[in-house]
């Protein structure tokens, strides 16, 4: 059971909608638990307080305002990445976080798959 990172974009309310909603626009899947294993290695060290809140049984929402912190914490994951798959997972998460940083109407949700 891995943790997928999903980029959601805001769809503004229109005449037929009462309130805005979010739709998934990009997914960094974790079918082999690569992200979950990386998170276990850095958890509790004090360097990744945002990522420490990723719950393999729930969901963590990271808005555009926290994207800079997420990018900094992803550097910590990169330091402990040992395999090409782990390095690639961190790279793809970084791309997602940069997209969140540069586009204000998006958020990243870490979801159980």
C-alpha atoms as a PDB file:
ATOM      1  CA  UNK A   1       0.000   0.000   0.000  1.00  0.00           C
ATOM      2  CA  UNK A   2       1.907   3.044  -1.288  1.00  0.00           C
ATOM      3  CA  UNK A   3       1.248   6.736  -1.034  1.00  0.00           C
ATOM      4  CA  UNK A   4       0.455   8.503  -4.302  1.00  0.00           C
ATOM      5  CA  UNK A   5       1.083  12.218  -4.753  1.00  0.00           C
ATOM      6  CA  UNK A   6      -1.753  13.748  -6.777  1.00  0.00           C
ATOM      7  CA  UNK A   7      -1.767  17.277  -8.162  1.00  0.00           C
ATOM      8  CA  UNK A   8      -5.259  18.743  -8.062  1.00  0.00           C
ATOM      9  CA  UNK A   9      -6.240  21.941  -9.814  1.00  0.00           C
ATOM     10  CA  UNK A  10      -9.029  24.238  -8.747  1.00  0.00           C
ATOM     11  CA  UNK A  11     -12.103  24.410 -10.958  1.00  0.00           C
ATOM     12  CA  UNK A  12     -13.870  27.644 -10.204  1.00  0.00           C
ATOM     13  CA  UNK A  13     -17.568  27.701  -9.503  1.00  0.00           C
ATOM     14  CA  UNK A  14     -19.709  28.420 -12.521  1.00  0.00           C
ATOM     15  CA  UNK A  15     -23.393  29.050 -13.016  1.00  0.00           C
ATOM     16  CA  UNK A  16     -24.231  25.378 -12.430  1.00  0.00           C
ATOM     17  CA  UNK A  17     -21.855  24.944  -9.466  1.00  0.00           C
ATOM     18  CA  UNK A  18     -22.326  26.411  -6.049  1.00  0.00           C
ATOM     19  CA  UNK A  19     -18.729  26.152  -4.932  1.00  0.00           C
ATOM     20  CA  UNK A  20     -15.320  25.503  -6.448  1.00  0.00           C
ATOM     21  CA  UNK A  21     -13.992  21.977  -6.653  1.00  0.00           C
ATOM     22  CA  UNK A  22     -10.716  20.260  -7.430  1.00  0.00           C
ATOM     23  CA  UNK A  23      -9.910  17.768 -10.194  1.00  0.00           C
ATOM     24  CA  UNK A  24      -6.866  15.509 -10.403  1.00  0.00           C
ATOM     25  CA  UNK A  25      -4.504  16.623 -13.136  1.00  0.00           C
ATOM     26  CA  UNK A  26      -1.294  14.659 -12.514  1.00  0.00           C
ATOM     27  CA  UNK A  27      -0.303  11.642 -10.413  1.00  0.00           C
ATOM     28  CA  UNK A  28       3.034  10.414  -9.115  1.00  0.00           C
ATOM     29  CA  UNK A  29       2.043   6.856  -8.299  1.00  0.00           C
ATOM     30  CA  UNK A  30       3.754   4.729  -5.658  1.00  0.00           C
ATOM     31  CA  UNK A  31       2.784   1.153  -6.591  1.00  0.00           C
ATOM     32  CA  UNK A  32       5.983  -0.350  -5.163  1.00  0.00           C
ATOM     33  CA  UNK A  33       5.945   1.643  -1.889  1.00  0.00           C
ATOM     34  CA  UNK A  34       9.068   3.590  -2.892  1.00  0.00           C
ATOM     35  CA  UNK A  35       7.814   6.854  -1.380  1.00  0.00           C
ATOM     36  CA  UNK A  36       6.521   5.083   1.700  1.00  0.00           C
ATOM     37  CA  UNK A  37       9.954   3.515   2.305  1.00  0.00           C
ATOM     38  CA  UNK A  38      11.716   6.861   1.848  1.00  0.00           C
ATOM     39  CA  UNK A  39       9.342   8.537   4.274  1.00  0.00           C
ATOM     40  CA  UNK A  40      10.024   5.872   6.896  1.00  0.00           C
ATOM     41  CA  UNK A  41      13.766   6.565   6.637  1.00  0.00           C
ATOM     42  CA  UNK A  42      13.456  10.303   7.299  1.00  0.00           C
ATOM     43  CA  UNK A  43      10.511  10.307   9.710  1.00  0.00           C
ATOM     44  CA  UNK A  44      11.096  11.782  13.115  1.00  0.00           C
ATOM     45  CA  UNK A  45      14.502  13.262  12.368  1.00  0.00           C
ATOM     46  CA  UNK A  46      13.171  16.809  12.642  1.00  0.00           C
ATOM     47  CA  UNK A  47      14.145  17.777   9.106  1.00  0.00           C
ATOM     48  CA  UNK A  48      10.852  16.872   7.410  1.00  0.00           C
ATOM     49  CA  UNK A  49       7.958  18.093   9.582  1.00  0.00           C
ATOM     50  CA  UNK A  50       5.588  18.407   6.616  1.00  0.00           C
ATOM     51  CA  UNK A  51       6.389  14.988   5.163  1.00  0.00           C
ATOM     52  CA  UNK A  52       6.266  13.460   8.649  1.00  0.00           C
ATOM     53  CA  UNK A  53       2.529  14.170   8.541  1.00  0.00           C
ATOM     54  CA  UNK A  54       1.977  11.923   5.501  1.00  0.00           C
ATOM     55  CA  UNK A  55      -0.316   9.214   6.805  1.00  0.00           C
ATOM     56  CA  UNK A  56      -0.335   5.859   4.980  1.00  0.00           C
ATOM     57  CA  UNK A  57      -3.914   5.453   6.196  1.00  0.00           C
ATOM     58  CA  UNK A  58      -5.180   8.943   5.376  1.00  0.00           C
ATOM     59  CA  UNK A  59      -4.506  11.987   3.275  1.00  0.00           C
ATOM     60  CA  UNK A  60      -2.270  15.046   3.560  1.00  0.00           C
ATOM     61  CA  UNK A  61      -3.050  18.181   1.539  1.00  0.00           C
ATOM     62  CA  UNK A  62      -0.151  20.487   0.648  1.00  0.00           C
ATOM     63  CA  UNK A  63      -1.249  23.806  -0.790  1.00  0.00           C
ATOM     64  CA  UNK A  64       0.749  26.198  -2.926  1.00  0.00           C
ATOM     65  CA  UNK A  65       1.755  28.118   0.206  1.00  0.00           C
ATOM     66  CA  UNK A  66       3.659  25.076   1.500  1.00  0.00           C
ATOM     67  CA  UNK A  67       5.323  24.120  -1.788  1.00  0.00           C
ATOM     68  CA  UNK A  68       8.621  25.792  -0.856  1.00  0.00           C
ATOM     69  CA  UNK A  69       8.787  23.799   2.375  1.00  0.00           C
ATOM     70  CA  UNK A  70       7.915  20.620   0.479  1.00  0.00           C
ATOM     71  CA  UNK A  71      10.758  21.243  -1.984  1.00  0.00           C
ATOM     72  CA  UNK A  72      13.198  21.693   0.904  1.00  0.00           C
ATOM     73  CA  UNK A  73      12.031  18.466   2.528  1.00  0.00           C
ATOM     74  CA  UNK A  74      12.296  16.581  -0.758  1.00  0.00           C
ATOM     75  CA  UNK A  75      16.021  17.377  -0.682  1.00  0.00           C
ATOM     76  CA  UNK A  76      16.152  15.353   2.555  1.00  0.00           C
ATOM     77  CA  UNK A  77      14.479  12.448   0.762  1.00  0.00           C
ATOM     78  CA  UNK A  78      17.018  12.767  -2.064  1.00  0.00           C
ATOM     79  CA  UNK A  79      19.837  12.405   0.480  1.00  0.00           C
ATOM     80  CA  UNK A  80      18.553   9.015   1.635  1.00  0.00           C
ATOM     81  CA  UNK A  81      17.516   7.727  -1.814  1.00  0.00           C
ATOM     82  CA  UNK A  82      19.586   4.625  -2.577  1.00  0.00           C
ATOM     83  CA  UNK A  83      18.178   3.131  -5.763  1.00  0.00           C
ATOM     84  CA  UNK A  84      17.431   4.574  -9.210  1.00  0.00           C
ATOM     85  CA  UNK A  85      13.702   4.075  -8.510  1.00  0.00           C
ATOM     86  CA  UNK A  86      13.952   6.137  -5.329  1.00  0.00           C
ATOM     87  CA  UNK A  87      15.907   8.894  -7.062  1.00  0.00           C
ATOM     88  CA  UNK A  88      13.318   8.992  -9.848  1.00  0.00           C
ATOM     89  CA  UNK A  89      10.437   9.116  -7.370  1.00  0.00           C
ATOM     90  CA  UNK A  90      11.979  12.127  -5.603  1.00  0.00           C
ATOM     91  CA  UNK A  91      12.659  13.818  -8.957  1.00  0.00           C
ATOM     92  CA  UNK A  92       9.040  13.390 -10.052  1.00  0.00           C
ATOM     93  CA  UNK A  93       7.766  14.675  -6.701  1.00  0.00           C
ATOM     94  CA  UNK A  94      10.016  17.709  -7.116  1.00  0.00           C
ATOM     95  CA  UNK A  95       8.459  18.458 -10.497  1.00  0.00           C
ATOM     96  CA  UNK A  96       5.013  18.244  -8.933  1.00  0.00           C
ATOM     97  CA  UNK A  97       6.028  20.553  -6.083  1.00  0.00           C
ATOM     98  CA  UNK A  98       7.506  23.107  -8.502  1.00  0.00           C
ATOM     99  CA  UNK A  99       4.301  23.066 -10.500  1.00  0.00           C
ATOM    100  CA  UNK A 100       2.387  23.699  -7.278  1.00  0.00           C
ATOM    101  CA  UNK A 101       4.764  26.553  -6.424  1.00  0.00           C
ATOM    102  CA  UNK A 102       4.330  28.203  -9.825  1.00  0.00           C
ATOM    103  CA  UNK A 103       0.566  27.743 -10.156  1.00  0.00           C
ATOM    104  CA  UNK A 104      -1.483  29.058  -7.260  1.00  0.00           C
ATOM    105  CA  UNK A 105      -4.737  27.232  -8.054  1.00  0.00           C
ATOM    106  CA  UNK A 106      -3.356  23.773  -7.337  1.00  0.00           C
ATOM    107  CA  UNK A 107      -2.601  21.557  -4.372  1.00  0.00           C
ATOM    108  CA  UNK A 108      -0.838  18.248  -3.835  1.00  0.00           C
ATOM    109  CA  UNK A 109      -2.573  15.499  -1.932  1.00  0.00           C
ATOM    110  CA  UNK A 110      -0.670  12.533  -0.602  1.00  0.00           C
ATOM    111  CA  UNK A 111      -3.216   9.702  -0.792  1.00  0.00           C
ATOM    112  CA  UNK A 112      -3.205   6.010   0.014  1.00  0.00           C
ATOM    113  CA  UNK A 113      -3.453   3.961  -3.171  1.00  0.00           C
END
